[in-house]
Amino acid sequence: MNYLVLEENVENDPCKFALMNRETSERVILQAANA
């Protein structure tokens, strides 16, 4: 089963993406150090 969702271009920033847990709705935003 797939418990994680990948969101691209968080806050209209191509260097940011988010991982969201479908079960808990916990969301973690990650940002690349360099473009």
N, C-alpha and C. Protein backbone atom coordinates (compact mmCIF):
# COMPACT_ATOMS: atom_id res chain seq x y z
N MET A 1 0.84 -1.19 0.00
CA MET A 1 0.00 0.00 0.00
C MET A 1 0.87 1.24 0.00
N ASN A 2 0.34 2.30 -0.55
CA ASN A 2 1.08 3.55 -0.64
C ASN A 2 0.59 4.52 0.43
N TYR A 3 1.44 4.79 1.41
CA TYR A 3 1.05 5.66 2.51
C TYR A 3 1.58 7.08 2.36
N LEU A 4 2.50 7.30 1.42
CA LEU A 4 3.08 8.62 1.24
C LEU A 4 2.62 9.24 -0.07
N VAL A 5 2.41 10.55 -0.02
CA VAL A 5 2.04 11.32 -1.21
C VAL A 5 3.15 12.35 -1.43
N LEU A 6 3.58 12.50 -2.66
CA LEU A 6 4.60 13.48 -3.01
C LEU A 6 3.93 14.69 -3.65
N GLU A 7 4.18 15.87 -3.09
CA GLU A 7 3.67 17.12 -3.66
C GLU A 7 4.86 17.89 -4.22
N GLU A 8 4.76 18.29 -5.49
CA GLU A 8 5.84 19.05 -6.12
C GLU A 8 5.52 20.53 -6.14
N ASN A 9 6.55 21.36 -6.29
CA ASN A 9 6.42 22.82 -6.39
C ASN A 9 5.62 23.41 -5.23
N VAL A 10 6.01 23.09 -4.02
CA VAL A 10 5.34 23.62 -2.83
C VAL A 10 5.58 25.12 -2.77
N GLU A 11 4.54 25.88 -2.48
CA GLU A 11 4.60 27.34 -2.40
C GLU A 11 5.15 27.95 -3.69
N ASN A 12 4.85 27.32 -4.82
CA ASN A 12 5.32 27.76 -6.15
C ASN A 12 6.84 27.85 -6.24
N ASP A 13 7.54 27.03 -5.47
CA ASP A 13 9.00 27.00 -5.46
C ASP A 13 9.45 25.65 -6.03
N PRO A 14 10.11 25.64 -7.19
CA PRO A 14 10.53 24.37 -7.80
C PRO A 14 11.59 23.63 -6.99
N CYS A 15 12.21 24.29 -6.01
CA CYS A 15 13.23 23.65 -5.17
C CYS A 15 12.62 23.00 -3.92
N LYS A 16 11.32 23.16 -3.72
CA LYS A 16 10.66 22.58 -2.54
C LYS A 16 9.70 21.48 -2.97
N PHE A 17 9.63 20.44 -2.13
CA PHE A 17 8.59 19.43 -2.30
C PHE A 17 8.18 18.93 -0.93
N ALA A 18 7.04 18.30 -0.87
CA ALA A 18 6.51 17.84 0.41
C ALA A 18 6.16 16.36 0.33
N LEU A 19 6.33 15.69 1.45
CA LEU A 19 5.87 14.32 1.62
C LEU A 19 4.75 14.35 2.64
N MET A 20 3.62 13.73 2.31
CA MET A 20 2.50 13.71 3.23
C MET A 20 2.10 12.27 3.51
N ASN A 21 1.85 11.98 4.78
CA ASN A 21 1.40 10.67 5.21
C ASN A 21 -0.12 10.63 5.09
N ARG A 22 -0.63 9.67 4.32
CA ARG A 22 -2.09 9.57 4.11
C ARG A 22 -2.84 9.21 5.38
N GLU A 23 -2.21 8.47 6.28
CA GLU A 23 -2.90 8.02 7.49
C GLU A 23 -2.99 9.10 8.56
N THR A 24 -1.91 9.87 8.74
CA THR A 24 -1.87 10.84 9.83
C THR A 24 -2.02 12.28 9.36
N SER A 25 -1.95 12.51 8.06
CA SER A 25 -1.97 13.86 7.47
C SER A 25 -0.75 14.68 7.87
N GLU A 26 0.29 14.03 8.41
CA GLU A 26 1.53 14.72 8.72
C GLU A 26 2.21 15.10 7.40
N ARG A 27 2.73 16.31 7.34
CA ARG A 27 3.33 16.82 6.10
C ARG A 27 4.71 17.37 6.41
N VAL A 28 5.71 16.96 5.62
CA VAL A 28 7.08 17.42 5.79
C VAL A 28 7.50 18.10 4.51
N ILE A 29 7.97 19.35 4.61
CA ILE A 29 8.44 20.09 3.44
C ILE A 29 9.96 20.01 3.39
N LEU A 30 10.47 19.64 2.23
CA LEU A 30 11.91 19.54 2.01
C LEU A 30 12.31 20.55 0.94
N GLN A 31 13.51 21.09 1.08
CA GLN A 31 13.99 22.07 0.11
C GLN A 31 15.40 21.71 -0.32
N ALA A 32 15.66 21.79 -1.61
CA ALA A 32 16.99 21.51 -2.14
C ALA A 32 17.95 22.62 -1.73
N ALA A 33 19.20 22.25 -1.44
CA ALA A 33 20.21 23.23 -1.05
C ALA A 33 20.59 24.12 -2.22
N ASN A 34 20.60 23.54 -3.44
CA ASN A 34 20.97 24.28 -4.64
C ASN A 34 19.96 24.00 -5.74
N ALA A 35 19.72 25.02 -6.55
CA ALA A 35 18.77 24.85 -7.66
C ALA A 35 19.44 24.14 -8.81
